[in-house]
Every structure is written in C-alpha cells, then in structure tokens.
Protein backbone atom coordinates (compact mmCIF):
# COMPACT_ATOMS: atom_id res chain seq x y z
CA MET A 1 -1.82 -2.52 3.41
CA THR A 2 -4.72 -4.16 1.63
CA GLY A 3 -7.87 -2.19 0.92
CA ALA A 4 -5.78 0.92 1.46
CA ALA A 5 -7.57 3.29 -0.91
CA SER A 6 -10.35 3.89 1.62
CA GLY A 7 -11.86 3.01 4.98
CA LEU A 8 -9.97 1.01 7.59
CA GLY A 9 -7.09 0.21 5.23
CA LEU A 10 -6.52 3.91 4.53
CA ALA A 11 -6.81 4.86 8.20
CA THR A 12 -4.27 2.21 9.15
CA ALA A 13 -1.87 3.31 6.41
CA GLN A 14 -2.16 6.94 7.56
CA LYS A 15 -1.39 5.94 11.16
CA LEU A 16 1.63 3.84 10.15
CA ILE A 17 3.04 6.61 7.95
CA ALA A 18 2.53 9.15 10.74
CA GLN A 19 4.73 6.90 12.91
CA GLY A 20 7.47 6.83 10.25
CA ALA A 21 6.68 3.62 8.37
CA LYS A 22 6.81 3.16 4.63
CA VAL A 23 3.60 1.58 3.35
CA VAL A 24 2.57 -0.17 0.15
CA LEU A 25 -1.06 0.60 -0.52
CA VAL A 26 -2.79 -2.33 -2.22
CA ASP A 27 -6.22 -1.92 -3.73
CA MET A 28 -8.15 -2.84 -6.85
CA ASN A 29 -9.22 0.78 -7.46
CA GLN A 30 -6.25 2.16 -9.39
CA GLU A 31 -7.47 5.74 -9.73
CA LEU A 32 -8.26 6.17 -6.03
CA GLY A 33 -5.17 4.25 -4.93
CA GLN A 34 -2.83 6.45 -6.94
CA LYS A 35 -4.57 9.58 -5.62
CA VAL A 36 -4.24 8.43 -2.01
CA ALA A 37 -0.59 7.47 -2.46
CA ALA A 38 0.17 10.93 -3.87
CA GLU A 39 -1.62 12.56 -0.93
CA LEU A 40 0.27 10.44 1.62
CA GLY A 41 3.64 11.38 0.13
CA ALA A 42 7.03 9.73 -0.25
CA HIS A 43 6.44 7.01 2.36
CA ALA A 44 3.55 5.55 0.36
CA ALA A 45 3.51 3.57 -2.87
CA PHE A 46 0.50 2.13 -4.65
CA VAL A 47 0.12 -1.27 -6.30
CA GLN A 48 -3.12 -2.24 -7.99
CA ALA A 49 -3.79 -5.85 -7.07
CA ASP A 50 -6.44 -8.38 -6.25
CA ILE A 51 -5.08 -10.14 -3.17
CA THR A 52 -6.82 -13.36 -4.17
CA SER A 53 -4.34 -13.53 -7.08
CA GLU A 54 -0.97 -14.87 -5.96
CA ALA A 55 0.78 -13.26 -8.94
CA GLU A 56 -0.74 -9.83 -8.25
CA PHE A 57 -0.04 -10.02 -4.53
CA SER A 58 3.56 -11.03 -5.27
CA THR A 59 3.93 -7.73 -7.13
CA ALA A 60 2.88 -5.88 -3.97
CA ILE A 61 5.37 -7.84 -1.86
CA GLN A 62 8.13 -7.08 -4.38
CA LYS A 63 7.31 -3.36 -4.17
CA ALA A 64 7.47 -3.51 -0.38
CA CYS A 65 10.89 -5.16 -0.52
CA GLU A 66 12.11 -2.38 -2.84
CA MET A 67 11.09 0.21 -0.23
CA GLY A 68 13.19 -1.34 2.55
CA ALA A 69 13.12 -4.15 5.07
CA LEU A 70 9.79 -5.94 5.09
CA ARG A 71 8.33 -5.79 8.60
CA ALA A 72 4.84 -7.25 8.15
CA VAL A 73 2.76 -9.02 5.56
C-alpha cells in the first residue's frame, strides 16, 4: 500500500488488515512508517521507498512476496 504511513493509504491498509490481509506499507517517511507498522501488528510490514524508483519499488514487491501470495500491486 503506497502512502501508507498516513491518510488514505493508512486507512486502506487498516481496512485490509481488519479483513485478514497482510499488507506491505510503502512510504518515504521511515520513522512514521515503522511506527504505523508496529501499531498494525504482525500482518503489516514497512518498506521505505519512493515509488518513482523502480529499484526501490522492487524491494517493496519482494517484501510482499515474502509475506505470502501476492494478490494486488
């Protein structure tokens, strides 16, 4: 989930986790992203990334694949 440290991205991640999904939180704000991931629990992982960077976004996709079957990008 991009922009997941706050706002709409965070709200969407919360909703998905509440429904049993595992979510990779992607944001450029490392401090806030790590805090949010800790608050959301075991079904959330944080990756600091700028989604305009293919290399950084690839790291987020790799993390998602480590968490289980990838359902959406």
